Amino acid sequence: MAPAMFCFIKQHHWENRKVIPFQTHGRWPGHTIEDIKQLCQGAMFQYERAIQFDSQGGNRLITKPEEIDDWITLLMSL
């Protein structure tokens, strides 16, 4: 997780708040979403998402754009 994100999470109170964790990755999503869940104690988690790009450091999207669009549409309807 990026240091700025870690600091942001640590500086806020998450009890009874809804959190929609997401991340981007090149090939292996790692444990970022699980780390967010651990740091945001007491939060309610929904609609988590990992978005994959190519593993060579390029900007080619692996996750289907339609899947991302559907996820965003869902979030906007909340």
PDB file of N, CA and C in Angstrom:
ATOM      1  N   MET A   1       0.847  -1.169   0.000  1.00  0.00           N
ATOM      2  CA  MET A   1       0.000   0.000   0.000  1.00  0.00           C
ATOM      3  C   MET A   1       0.894   1.234   0.000  1.00  0.00           C
ATOM      4  N   ALA A   2       0.453   2.239  -0.702  1.00  0.00           N
ATOM      5  CA  ALA A   2       1.216   3.488  -0.756  1.00  0.00           C
ATOM      6  C   ALA A   2       1.272   4.135   0.629  1.00  0.00           C
ATOM      7  N   PRO A   3       2.406   4.712   1.006  1.00  0.00           N
ATOM      8  CA  PRO A   3       2.529   5.342   2.314  1.00  0.00           C
ATOM      9  C   PRO A   3       1.459   6.402   2.584  1.00  0.00           C
ATOM     10  N   ALA A   4       1.094   7.172   1.577  1.00  0.00           N
ATOM     11  CA  ALA A   4       0.064   8.203   1.781  1.00  0.00           C
ATOM     12  C   ALA A   4      -1.275   7.574   2.150  1.00  0.00           C
ATOM     13  N   MET A   5      -1.609   6.448   1.531  1.00  0.00           N
ATOM     14  CA  MET A   5      -2.857   5.750   1.843  1.00  0.00           C
ATOM     15  C   MET A   5      -2.812   5.189   3.260  1.00  0.00           C
ATOM     16  N   PHE A   6      -1.680   4.615   3.624  1.00  0.00           N
ATOM     17  CA  PHE A   6      -1.516   4.078   4.973  1.00  0.00           C
ATOM     18  C   PHE A   6      -1.725   5.181   6.013  1.00  0.00           C
ATOM     19  N   CYS A   7      -1.092   6.333   5.809  1.00  0.00           N
ATOM     20  CA  CYS A   7      -1.236   7.457   6.751  1.00  0.00           C
ATOM     21  C   CYS A   7      -2.680   7.933   6.828  1.00  0.00           C
ATOM     22  N   PHE A   8      -3.339   8.040   5.685  1.00  0.00           N
ATOM     23  CA  PHE A   8      -4.739   8.467   5.666  1.00  0.00           C
ATOM     24  C   PHE A   8      -5.610   7.523   6.490  1.00  0.00           C
ATOM     25  N   ILE A   9      -5.443   6.229   6.254  1.00  0.00           N
ATOM     26  CA  ILE A   9      -6.243   5.246   6.978  1.00  0.00           C
ATOM     27  C   ILE A   9      -5.979   5.338   8.480  1.00  0.00           C
ATOM     28  N   LYS A  10      -4.719   5.435   8.863  1.00  0.00           N
ATOM     29  CA  LYS A  10      -4.369   5.472  10.283  1.00  0.00           C
ATOM     30  C   LYS A  10      -4.899   6.724  10.986  1.00  0.00           C
ATOM     31  N   GLN A  11      -5.123   7.804  10.268  1.00  0.00           N
ATOM     32  CA  GLN A  11      -5.545   9.070  10.870  1.00  0.00           C
ATOM     33  C   GLN A  11      -7.061   9.213  10.988  1.00  0.00           C
ATOM     34  N   HIS A  12      -7.812   8.209  10.580  1.00  0.00           N
ATOM     35  CA  HIS A  12      -9.270   8.323  10.609  1.00  0.00           C
ATOM     36  C   HIS A  12      -9.904   7.193  11.417  1.00  0.00           C
ATOM     37  N   HIS A  13     -11.102   7.462  11.860  1.00  0.00           N
ATOM     38  CA  HIS A  13     -11.885   6.501  12.640  1.00  0.00           C
ATOM     39  C   HIS A  13     -12.832   5.783  11.677  1.00  0.00           C
ATOM     40  N   TRP A  14     -12.861   4.467  11.690  1.00  0.00           N
ATOM     41  CA  TRP A  14     -13.604   3.692  10.700  1.00  0.00           C
ATOM     42  C   TRP A  14     -14.791   2.938  11.254  1.00  0.00           C
ATOM     43  N   GLU A  15     -15.008   2.994  12.537  1.00  0.00           N
ATOM     44  CA  GLU A  15     -16.113   2.262  13.169  1.00  0.00           C
ATOM     45  C   GLU A  15     -17.444   2.622  12.508  1.00  0.00           C
ATOM     46  N   ASN A  16     -18.172   1.595  12.055  1.00  0.00           N
ATOM     47  CA  ASN A  16     -19.499   1.718  11.451  1.00  0.00           C
ATOM     48  C   ASN A  16     -19.527   2.536  10.155  1.00  0.00           C
ATOM     49  N   ARG A  17     -18.412   2.690   9.496  1.00  0.00           N
ATOM     50  CA  ARG A  17     -18.380   3.381   8.210  1.00  0.00           C
ATOM     51  C   ARG A  17     -18.307   2.342   7.090  1.00  0.00           C
ATOM     52  N   LYS A  18     -18.884   2.687   5.950  1.00  0.00           N
ATOM     53  CA  LYS A  18     -18.808   1.815   4.785  1.00  0.00           C
ATOM     54  C   LYS A  18     -17.518   2.122   4.034  1.00  0.00           C
ATOM     55  N   VAL A  19     -16.788   1.076   3.695  1.00  0.00           N
ATOM     56  CA  VAL A  19     -15.537   1.218   2.968  1.00  0.00           C
ATOM     57  C   VAL A  19     -15.613   0.327   1.725  1.00  0.00           C
ATOM     58  N   ILE A  20     -15.242   0.890   0.593  1.00  0.00           N
ATOM     59  CA  ILE A  20     -15.206   0.157  -0.664  1.00  0.00           C
ATOM     60  C   ILE A  20     -13.742   0.091  -1.092  1.00  0.00           C
ATOM     61  N   PRO A  21     -13.045  -0.957  -0.669  1.00  0.00           N
ATOM     62  CA  PRO A  21     -11.614  -1.037  -0.975  1.00  0.00           C
ATOM     63  C   PRO A  21     -11.374  -1.465  -2.425  1.00  0.00           C
ATOM     64  N   PHE A  22     -10.407  -0.817  -3.053  1.00  0.00           N
ATOM     65  CA  PHE A  22     -10.012  -1.223  -4.392  1.00  0.00           C
ATOM     66  C   PHE A  22      -8.519  -0.993  -4.562  1.00  0.00           C
ATOM     67  N   GLN A  23      -7.975  -1.616  -5.563  1.00  0.00           N
ATOM     68  CA  GLN A  23      -6.544  -1.495  -5.830  1.00  0.00           C
ATOM     69  C   GLN A  23      -6.286  -1.810  -7.296  1.00  0.00           C
ATOM     70  N   THR A  24      -5.145  -1.358  -7.765  1.00  0.00           N
ATOM     71  CA  THR A  24      -4.669  -1.750  -9.087  1.00  0.00           C
ATOM     72  C   THR A  24      -3.392  -2.569  -8.888  1.00  0.00           C
ATOM     73  N   HIS A  25      -3.132  -3.452  -9.848  1.00  0.00           N
ATOM     74  CA  HIS A  25      -1.925  -4.271  -9.749  1.00  0.00           C
ATOM     75  C   HIS A  25      -1.494  -4.723 -11.128  1.00  0.00           C
ATOM     76  N   GLY A  26      -0.239  -5.151 -11.208  1.00  0.00           N
ATOM     77  CA  GLY A  26       0.337  -5.576 -12.472  1.00  0.00           C
ATOM     78  C   GLY A  26       0.161  -7.045 -12.776  1.00  0.00           C
ATOM     79  N   ARG A  27       0.096  -7.861 -11.762  1.00  0.00           N
ATOM     80  CA  ARG A  27      -0.092  -9.295 -11.990  1.00  0.00           C
ATOM     81  C   ARG A  27      -0.570  -9.985 -10.727  1.00  0.00           C
ATOM     82  N   TRP A  28       0.080  -9.724  -9.651  1.00  0.00           N
ATOM     83  CA  TRP A  28      -0.282 -10.347  -8.378  1.00  0.00           C
ATOM     84  C   TRP A  28      -0.888  -9.274  -7.478  1.00  0.00           C
ATOM     85  N   PRO A  29      -2.148  -9.427  -7.070  1.00  0.00           N
ATOM     86  CA  PRO A  29      -2.796  -8.378  -6.287  1.00  0.00           C
ATOM     87  C   PRO A  29      -2.252  -8.220  -4.870  1.00  0.00           C
ATOM     88  N   GLY A  30      -1.475  -9.198  -4.422  1.00  0.00           N
ATOM     89  CA  GLY A  30      -0.904  -9.068  -3.088  1.00  0.00           C
ATOM     90  C   GLY A  30      -1.977  -9.085  -2.015  1.00  0.00           C
ATOM     91  N   HIS A  31      -1.741  -8.337  -0.953  1.00  0.00           N
ATOM     92  CA  HIS A  31      -2.644  -8.361   0.190  1.00  0.00           C
ATOM     93  C   HIS A  31      -3.125  -6.961   0.570  1.00  0.00           C
ATOM     94  N   THR A  32      -3.105  -6.037  -0.372  1.00  0.00           N
ATOM     95  CA  THR A  32      -3.488  -4.659  -0.081  1.00  0.00           C
ATOM     96  C   THR A  32      -4.900  -4.555   0.468  1.00  0.00           C
ATOM     97  N   ILE A  33      -5.849  -5.224  -0.163  1.00  0.00           N
ATOM     98  CA  ILE A  33      -7.235  -5.131   0.305  1.00  0.00           C
ATOM     99  C   ILE A  33      -7.362  -5.731   1.696  1.00  0.00           C
ATOM    100  N   GLU A  34      -6.704  -6.828   1.952  1.00  0.00           N
ATOM    101  CA  GLU A  34      -6.732  -7.415   3.302  1.00  0.00           C
ATOM    102  C   GLU A  34      -6.081  -6.480   4.315  1.00  0.00           C
ATOM    103  N   ASP A  35      -5.015  -5.806   3.920  1.00  0.00           N
ATOM    104  CA  ASP A  35      -4.380  -4.824   4.816  1.00  0.00           C
ATOM    105  C   ASP A  35      -5.326  -3.676   5.136  1.00  0.00           C
ATOM    106  N   ILE A  36      -6.041  -3.202   4.134  1.00  0.00           N
ATOM    107  CA  ILE A  36      -7.024  -2.129   4.358  1.00  0.00           C
ATOM    108  C   ILE A  36      -8.075  -2.593   5.355  1.00  0.00           C
ATOM    109  N   LYS A  37      -8.554  -3.805   5.186  1.00  0.00           N
ATOM    110  CA  LYS A  37      -9.568  -4.341   6.098  1.00  0.00           C
ATOM    111  C   LYS A  37      -9.039  -4.433   7.527  1.00  0.00           C
ATOM    112  N   GLN A  38      -7.793  -4.809   7.688  1.00  0.00           N
ATOM    113  CA  GLN A  38      -7.217  -4.888   9.031  1.00  0.00           C
ATOM    114  C   GLN A  38      -7.059  -3.511   9.657  1.00  0.00           C
ATOM    115  N   LEU A  39      -6.655  -2.545   8.862  1.00  0.00           N
ATOM    116  CA  LEU A  39      -6.415  -1.196   9.381  1.00  0.00           C
ATOM    117  C   LEU A  39      -7.703  -0.439   9.683  1.00  0.00           C
ATOM    118  N   CYS A  40      -8.756  -0.746   8.957  1.00  0.00           N
ATOM    119  CA  CYS A  40     -10.042  -0.043   9.124  1.00  0.00           C
ATOM    120  C   CYS A  40     -10.945  -0.831  10.076  1.00  0.00           C
ATOM    121  N   GLN A  41     -10.490  -1.020  11.272  1.00  0.00           N
ATOM    122  CA  GLN A  41     -11.232  -1.797  12.264  1.00  0.00           C
ATOM    123  C   GLN A  41     -12.633  -1.242  12.478  1.00  0.00           C
ATOM    124  N   GLY A  42     -13.623  -2.137  12.453  1.00  0.00           N
ATOM    125  CA  GLY A  42     -15.003  -1.757  12.715  1.00  0.00           C
ATOM    126  C   GLY A  42     -15.760  -1.271  11.502  1.00  0.00           C
ATOM    127  N   ALA A  43     -15.098  -1.167  10.360  1.00  0.00           N
ATOM    128  CA  ALA A  43     -15.757  -0.706   9.134  1.00  0.00           C
ATOM    129  C   ALA A  43     -16.563  -1.844   8.512  1.00  0.00           C
ATOM    130  N   MET A  44     -17.520  -1.462   7.693  1.00  0.00           N
ATOM    131  CA  MET A  44     -18.305  -2.409   6.908  1.00  0.00           C
ATOM    132  C   MET A  44     -17.760  -2.361   5.483  1.00  0.00           C
ATOM    133  N   PHE A  45     -17.333  -3.487   4.965  1.00  0.00           N
ATOM    134  CA  PHE A  45     -16.706  -3.535   3.646  1.00  0.00           C
ATOM    135  C   PHE A  45     -17.680  -4.066   2.610  1.00  0.00           C
ATOM    136  N   GLN A  46     -17.686  -3.396   1.447  1.00  0.00           N
ATOM    137  CA  GLN A  46     -18.564  -3.799   0.352  1.00  0.00           C
ATOM    138  C   GLN A  46     -17.851  -3.608  -0.975  1.00  0.00           C
ATOM    139  N   TYR A  47     -18.228  -4.394  -1.942  1.00  0.00           N
ATOM    140  CA  TYR A  47     -17.893  -4.174  -3.347  1.00  0.00           C
ATOM    141  C   TYR A  47     -16.395  -3.996  -3.624  1.00  0.00           C
ATOM    142  N   GLU A  48     -15.571  -4.729  -2.937  1.00  0.00           N
ATOM    143  CA  GLU A  48     -14.124  -4.598  -3.165  1.00  0.00           C
ATOM    144  C   GLU A  48     -13.779  -4.974  -4.598  1.00  0.00           C
ATOM    145  N   ARG A  49     -12.679  -4.411  -5.085  1.00  0.00           N
ATOM    146  CA  ARG A  49     -12.317  -4.621  -6.489  1.00  0.00           C
ATOM    147  C   ARG A  49     -10.812  -4.534  -6.692  1.00  0.00           C
ATOM    148  N   ALA A  50     -10.271  -5.454  -7.458  1.00  0.00           N
ATOM    149  CA  ALA A  50      -8.881  -5.395  -7.898  1.00  0.00           C
ATOM    150  C   ALA A  50      -8.909  -5.196  -9.407  1.00  0.00           C
ATOM    151  N   ILE A  51      -8.150  -4.231  -9.890  1.00  0.00           N
ATOM    152  CA  ILE A  51      -8.085  -3.920 -11.312  1.00  0.00           C
ATOM    153  C   ILE A  51      -6.674  -4.218 -11.795  1.00  0.00           C
ATOM    154  N   GLN A  52      -6.584  -5.081 -12.799  1.00  0.00           N
ATOM    155  CA  GLN A  52      -5.271  -5.550 -13.251  1.00  0.00           C
ATOM    156  C   GLN A  52      -4.832  -4.892 -14.552  1.00  0.00           C
ATOM    157  N   PHE A  53      -3.574  -4.473 -14.554  1.00  0.00           N
ATOM    158  CA  PHE A  53      -2.900  -3.998 -15.754  1.00  0.00           C
ATOM    159  C   PHE A  53      -1.864  -5.045 -16.158  1.00  0.00           C
ATOM    160  N   ASP A  54      -1.221  -4.857 -17.319  1.00  0.00           N
ATOM    161  CA  ASP A  54      -0.224  -5.842 -17.730  1.00  0.00           C
ATOM    162  C   ASP A  54       0.932  -5.883 -16.734  1.00  0.00           C
ATOM    163  N   SER A  55       1.627  -7.006 -16.732  1.00  0.00           N
ATOM    164  CA  SER A  55       2.677  -7.218 -15.732  1.00  0.00           C
ATOM    165  C   SER A  55       4.028  -6.664 -16.158  1.00  0.00           C
ATOM    166  N   GLN A  56       4.090  -6.014 -17.298  1.00  0.00           N
ATOM    167  CA  GLN A  56       5.357  -5.469 -17.779  1.00  0.00           C
ATOM    168  C   GLN A  56       5.504  -3.983 -17.453  1.00  0.00           C
ATOM    169  N   GLY A  57       4.610  -3.457 -16.634  1.00  0.00           N
ATOM    170  CA  GLY A  57       4.701  -2.050 -16.256  1.00  0.00           C
ATOM    171  C   GLY A  57       4.068  -1.104 -17.262  1.00  0.00           C
ATOM    172  N   GLY A  58       3.379  -1.645 -18.219  1.00  0.00           N
ATOM    173  CA  GLY A  58       2.724  -0.828 -19.229  1.00  0.00           C
ATOM    174  C   GLY A  58       1.344  -0.367 -18.780  1.00  0.00           C
ATOM    175  N   ASN A  59       0.620   0.216 -19.711  1.00  0.00           N
ATOM    176  CA  ASN A  59      -0.699   0.722 -19.364  1.00  0.00           C
ATOM    177  C   ASN A  59      -1.820  -0.094 -19.998  1.00  0.00           C
ATOM    178  N   ARG A  60      -1.520  -1.310 -20.439  1.00  0.00           N
ATOM    179  CA  ARG A  60      -2.549  -2.168 -21.035  1.00  0.00           C
ATOM    180  C   ARG A  60      -3.411  -2.776 -19.932  1.00  0.00           C
ATOM    181  N   LEU A  61      -4.692  -2.521 -20.015  1.00  0.00           N
ATOM    182  CA  LEU A  61      -5.644  -2.994 -19.018  1.00  0.00           C
ATOM    183  C   LEU A  61      -5.979  -4.458 -19.273  1.00  0.00           C
ATOM    184  N   ILE A  62      -5.872  -5.292 -18.236  1.00  0.00           N
ATOM    185  CA  ILE A  62      -6.224  -6.709 -18.327  1.00  0.00           C
ATOM    186  C   ILE A  62      -7.676  -6.912 -17.895  1.00  0.00           C
ATOM    187  N   THR A  63      -8.070  -6.287 -16.808  1.00  0.00           N
ATOM    188  CA  THR A  63      -9.459  -6.353 -16.365  1.00  0.00           C
ATOM    189  C   THR A  63     -10.328  -5.748 -17.467  1.00  0.00           C
ATOM    190  N   LYS A  64     -11.401  -6.420 -17.798  1.00  0.00           N
ATOM    191  CA  LYS A  64     -12.272  -5.936 -18.872  1.00  0.00           C
ATOM    192  C   LYS A  64     -12.867  -4.578 -18.502  1.00  0.00           C
ATOM    193  N   PRO A  65     -12.770  -3.607 -19.389  1.00  0.00           N
ATOM    194  CA  PRO A  65     -13.340  -2.280 -19.108  1.00  0.00           C
ATOM    195  C   PRO A  65     -14.824  -2.341 -18.753  1.00  0.00           C
ATOM    196  N   GLU A  66     -15.548  -3.282 -19.354  1.00  0.00           N
ATOM    197  CA  GLU A  66     -16.978  -3.416 -19.052  1.00  0.00           C
ATOM    198  C   GLU A  66     -17.200  -3.785 -17.583  1.00  0.00           C
ATOM    199  N   GLU A  67     -16.302  -4.605 -17.036  1.00  0.00           N
ATOM    200  CA  GLU A  67     -16.410  -4.984 -15.626  1.00  0.00           C
ATOM    201  C   GLU A  67     -16.207  -3.762 -14.729  1.00  0.00           C
ATOM    202  N   ILE A  68     -15.252  -2.929 -15.091  1.00  0.00           N
ATOM    203  CA  ILE A  68     -14.993  -1.716 -14.309  1.00  0.00           C
ATOM    204  C   ILE A  68     -16.171  -0.763 -14.436  1.00  0.00           C
ATOM    205  N   ASP A  69     -16.694  -0.608 -15.644  1.00  0.00           N
ATOM    206  CA  ASP A  69     -17.855   0.260 -15.849  1.00  0.00           C
ATOM    207  C   ASP A  69     -19.047  -0.220 -15.031  1.00  0.00           C
ATOM    208  N   ASP A  70     -19.280  -1.527 -15.024  1.00  0.00           N
ATOM    209  CA  ASP A  70     -20.395  -2.091 -14.245  1.00  0.00           C
ATOM    210  C   ASP A  70     -20.192  -1.824 -12.755  1.00  0.00           C
ATOM    211  N   TRP A  71     -18.961  -1.953 -12.276  1.00  0.00           N
ATOM    212  CA  TRP A  71     -18.651  -1.715 -10.869  1.00  0.00           C
ATOM    213  C   TRP A  71     -18.907  -0.248 -10.522  1.00  0.00           C
ATOM    214  N   ILE A  72     -18.449   0.652 -11.379  1.00  0.00           N
ATOM    215  CA  ILE A  72     -18.673   2.082 -11.136  1.00  0.00           C
ATOM    216  C   ILE A  72     -20.160   2.409 -11.165  1.00  0.00           C
ATOM    217  N   THR A  73     -20.886   1.846 -12.104  1.00  0.00           N
ATOM    218  CA  THR A  73     -22.336   2.069 -12.174  1.00  0.00           C
ATOM    219  C   THR A  73     -23.007   1.598 -10.896  1.00  0.00           C
ATOM    220  N   LEU A  74     -22.616   0.446 -10.416  1.00  0.00           N
ATOM    221  CA  LEU A  74     -23.154  -0.073  -9.154  1.00  0.00           C
ATOM    222  C   LEU A  74     -22.880   0.888  -8.011  1.00  0.00           C
ATOM    223  N   LEU A  75     -21.643   1.362  -7.914  1.00  0.00           N
ATOM    224  CA  LEU A  75     -21.285   2.271  -6.825  1.00  0.00           C
ATOM    225  C   LEU A  75     -22.044   3.584  -6.906  1.00  0.00           C
ATOM    226  N   MET A  76     -22.280   4.068  -8.087  1.00  0.00           N
ATOM    227  CA  MET A  76     -22.995   5.330  -8.244  1.00  0.00           C
ATOM    228  C   MET A  76     -24.469   5.200  -7.893  1.00  0.00           C
ATOM    229  N   SER A  77     -24.982   3.980  -7.910  1.00  0.00           N
ATOM    230  CA  SER A  77     -26.399   3.763  -7.593  1.00  0.00           C
ATOM    231  C   SER A  77     -26.634   3.604  -6.086  1.00  0.00           C
ATOM    232  N   LEU A  78     -25.585   3.563  -5.317  1.00  0.00           N
ATOM    233  CA  LEU A  78     -25.733   3.373  -3.862  1.00  0.00           C
ATOM    234  C   LEU A  78     -26.276   4.603  -3.195  1.00  0.00           C
TER     235      LEU A  78
END
